[in-house]
Amino acid sequence: MREELPKNVDVVVEQQADKLLRDQKNTRRGAVSRAWVITWYSLALVSLCLWLLKLLGYITL
């Protein structure tokens, strides 16, 4: 009867990290530019402000 050894966690983590680095489609969180994050948050804030103004009746569309 053959018994398999459990997977080594360190090896699995290393293989997953290598796979992420080789695959260019995946972007790590640290690689996203600050300008993009600031732009995204600014657009979200503007949309919330416009929604609130419409809700309060200051603007009509």
Protein backbone atom coordinates (compact mmCIF):
# COMPACT_ATOMS: atom_id res chain seq x y z
CA MET A 1 0.00 0.00 0.00
CA ARG A 2 1.36 3.40 -0.97
CA GLU A 3 0.97 6.40 1.31
CA GLU A 4 1.19 9.96 0.02
CA LEU A 5 3.03 12.62 1.95
CA PRO A 6 1.11 15.79 2.89
CA LYS A 7 1.80 18.85 0.78
CA ASN A 8 4.52 21.14 2.04
CA VAL A 9 2.88 24.53 2.68
CA ASP A 10 6.06 26.49 1.92
CA VAL A 11 6.44 24.83 -1.48
CA VAL A 12 2.78 25.45 -2.35
CA VAL A 13 3.03 29.15 -1.40
CA GLU A 14 6.21 29.52 -3.42
CA GLN A 15 4.63 27.87 -6.48
CA GLN A 16 1.57 30.11 -6.26
CA ALA A 17 3.74 33.24 -5.99
CA ASP A 18 5.77 32.16 -9.02
CA LYS A 19 2.58 31.54 -10.98
CA LEU A 20 1.31 35.03 -10.13
CA LEU A 21 4.57 36.64 -11.19
CA ARG A 22 4.62 34.76 -14.50
CA ASP A 23 1.01 35.60 -15.35
CA GLN A 24 0.89 39.24 -16.47
CA LYS A 25 -2.92 39.43 -16.36
CA ASN A 26 -2.96 39.48 -12.56
CA THR A 27 -1.91 42.76 -10.97
CA ARG A 28 -0.87 42.80 -7.40
CA ARG A 29 -2.43 45.42 -5.15
CA GLY A 30 0.91 47.10 -4.63
CA ALA A 31 1.39 47.55 -8.37
CA VAL A 32 -1.71 49.75 -8.81
CA SER A 33 -0.71 53.39 -9.11
CA ARG A 34 -1.82 55.90 -6.50
CA ALA A 35 -3.25 58.16 -9.18
CA TRP A 36 -5.69 55.44 -10.28
CA VAL A 37 -6.85 54.84 -6.68
CA ILE A 38 -7.31 58.58 -6.04
CA THR A 39 -9.23 58.93 -9.32
CA TRP A 40 -11.49 56.00 -8.46
CA TYR A 41 -12.27 57.35 -4.98
CA SER A 42 -12.85 60.86 -6.36
CA LEU A 43 -15.33 59.57 -8.94
CA ALA A 44 -17.12 57.57 -6.26
CA LEU A 45 -17.35 60.66 -4.03
CA VAL A 46 -18.67 62.82 -6.89
CA SER A 47 -21.31 60.23 -7.76
CA LEU A 48 -22.44 60.00 -4.13
CA CYS A 49 -22.68 63.80 -3.91
CA LEU A 50 -24.73 63.97 -7.12
CA TRP A 51 -27.02 61.20 -5.85
CA LEU A 52 -27.54 63.06 -2.56
CA LEU A 53 -28.29 66.33 -4.36
CA LYS A 54 -30.82 64.55 -6.55
CA LEU A 55 -32.34 62.85 -3.51
CA LEU A 56 -32.74 66.21 -1.74
CA GLY A 57 -34.26 67.78 -4.86
CA TYR A 58 -31.53 70.30 -5.66
CA ILE A 59 -31.00 68.87 -9.15
CA THR A 60 -33.49 67.27 -11.49
CA LEU A 61 -32.59 65.06 -14.39
